[in-house]
Amino acid sequence: MGVSNGARTYLLKAKEEVKEKYDLLLARDMFSACTGCTGDCEPEYCGRLSEWIGSLMVEEAKKSQEDEDEFEEEI
């Protein structure tokens, strides 16, 4: 706490959430299909990308179900 022009002042600092650097590139055990890809492809037709997106969807569905189950237990 400090004083500036007769008023109390406070220094607020945001606390950063620590995340693993590569968490956003992982879906279950699969690393993003596009990371390091040198192919000249169209994303709409990339099988590897589609599989990775499918893994993200499965992972998100599991998280949603867990959250829903936890909410029901609280009620």
Protein backbone atom coordinates (compact mmCIF):
# COMPACT_ATOMS: atom_id res chain seq x y z
CA MET A 1 0.00 0.00 0.00
CA GLY A 2 1.19 3.49 -0.76
CA VAL A 3 -0.06 7.06 -0.85
CA SER A 4 -0.36 9.26 -3.95
CA ASN A 5 -1.77 12.78 -3.77
CA GLY A 6 -3.20 12.03 -0.33
CA ALA A 7 -5.05 8.89 -1.49
CA ARG A 8 -4.24 5.30 -0.61
CA THR A 9 -2.97 3.32 -3.58
CA TYR A 10 -2.62 -0.40 -4.07
CA LEU A 11 -0.54 -2.34 -6.54
CA LEU A 12 -2.58 -5.18 -8.04
CA LYS A 13 -0.91 -7.94 -9.98
CA ALA A 14 -2.67 -10.56 -12.05
CA LYS A 15 -1.82 -14.10 -11.16
CA GLU A 16 -1.05 -16.09 -14.27
CA GLU A 17 -2.38 -19.60 -14.47
CA VAL A 18 0.50 -21.98 -15.06
CA LYS A 19 -0.11 -24.22 -18.04
CA GLU A 20 2.09 -26.68 -19.76
CA LYS A 21 3.45 -25.23 -22.97
CA TYR A 22 2.13 -27.99 -25.16
CA ASP A 23 -1.23 -28.70 -23.52
CA LEU A 24 -3.11 -26.87 -26.26
CA LEU A 25 -1.44 -29.01 -28.93
CA LEU A 26 -2.43 -32.31 -27.35
CA ALA A 27 -5.64 -34.25 -27.71
CA ARG A 28 -5.48 -37.34 -25.52
CA ASP A 29 -2.18 -38.90 -26.64
CA MET A 30 -2.12 -37.26 -30.07
CA PHE A 31 0.02 -34.23 -30.89
CA SER A 32 -1.53 -31.71 -33.29
CA ALA A 33 -1.43 -33.03 -36.83
CA CYS A 34 -0.45 -29.64 -38.24
CA THR A 35 2.53 -29.05 -35.97
CA GLY A 36 5.60 -29.53 -38.09
CA CYS A 37 3.55 -30.57 -41.11
CA THR A 38 5.23 -29.65 -44.38
CA GLY A 39 2.48 -30.95 -46.62
CA ASP A 40 0.65 -28.68 -48.99
CA CYS A 41 -2.84 -29.81 -48.08
CA GLU A 42 -6.34 -28.53 -47.68
CA PRO A 43 -7.38 -28.76 -44.01
CA GLU A 44 -10.93 -29.77 -44.99
CA TYR A 45 -9.57 -32.99 -46.50
CA CYS A 46 -6.68 -33.84 -44.15
CA GLY A 47 -7.29 -37.22 -42.49
CA ARG A 48 -4.69 -36.65 -39.76
CA LEU A 49 -6.22 -33.29 -38.86
CA SER A 50 -9.73 -34.76 -38.82
CA GLU A 51 -8.60 -37.55 -36.49
CA TRP A 52 -6.94 -35.03 -34.15
CA ILE A 53 -10.07 -32.84 -34.09
CA GLY A 54 -12.14 -35.95 -33.34
CA SER A 55 -9.86 -36.65 -30.37
CA LEU A 56 -10.40 -33.09 -29.14
CA MET A 57 -14.15 -33.59 -29.36
CA VAL A 58 -13.99 -36.83 -27.38
CA GLU A 59 -11.82 -35.17 -24.74
CA GLU A 60 -14.20 -32.20 -24.45
CA ALA A 61 -17.23 -34.50 -24.19
CA LYS A 62 -15.57 -36.38 -21.33
CA LYS A 63 -14.82 -33.12 -19.51
CA SER A 64 -18.41 -31.94 -19.98
CA GLN A 65 -19.76 -35.23 -18.64
CA GLU A 66 -17.45 -35.05 -15.62
CA ASP A 67 -18.55 -31.47 -14.92
CA GLU A 68 -22.20 -32.48 -15.24
CA ASP A 69 -21.71 -35.46 -12.90
CA GLU A 70 -19.95 -33.23 -10.38
CA PHE A 71 -22.78 -30.67 -10.55
CA GLU A 72 -25.40 -33.38 -9.96
CA GLU A 73 -23.48 -34.64 -6.92
CA GLU A 74 -23.55 -31.14 -5.41
CA ILE A 75 -27.33 -30.95 -5.71
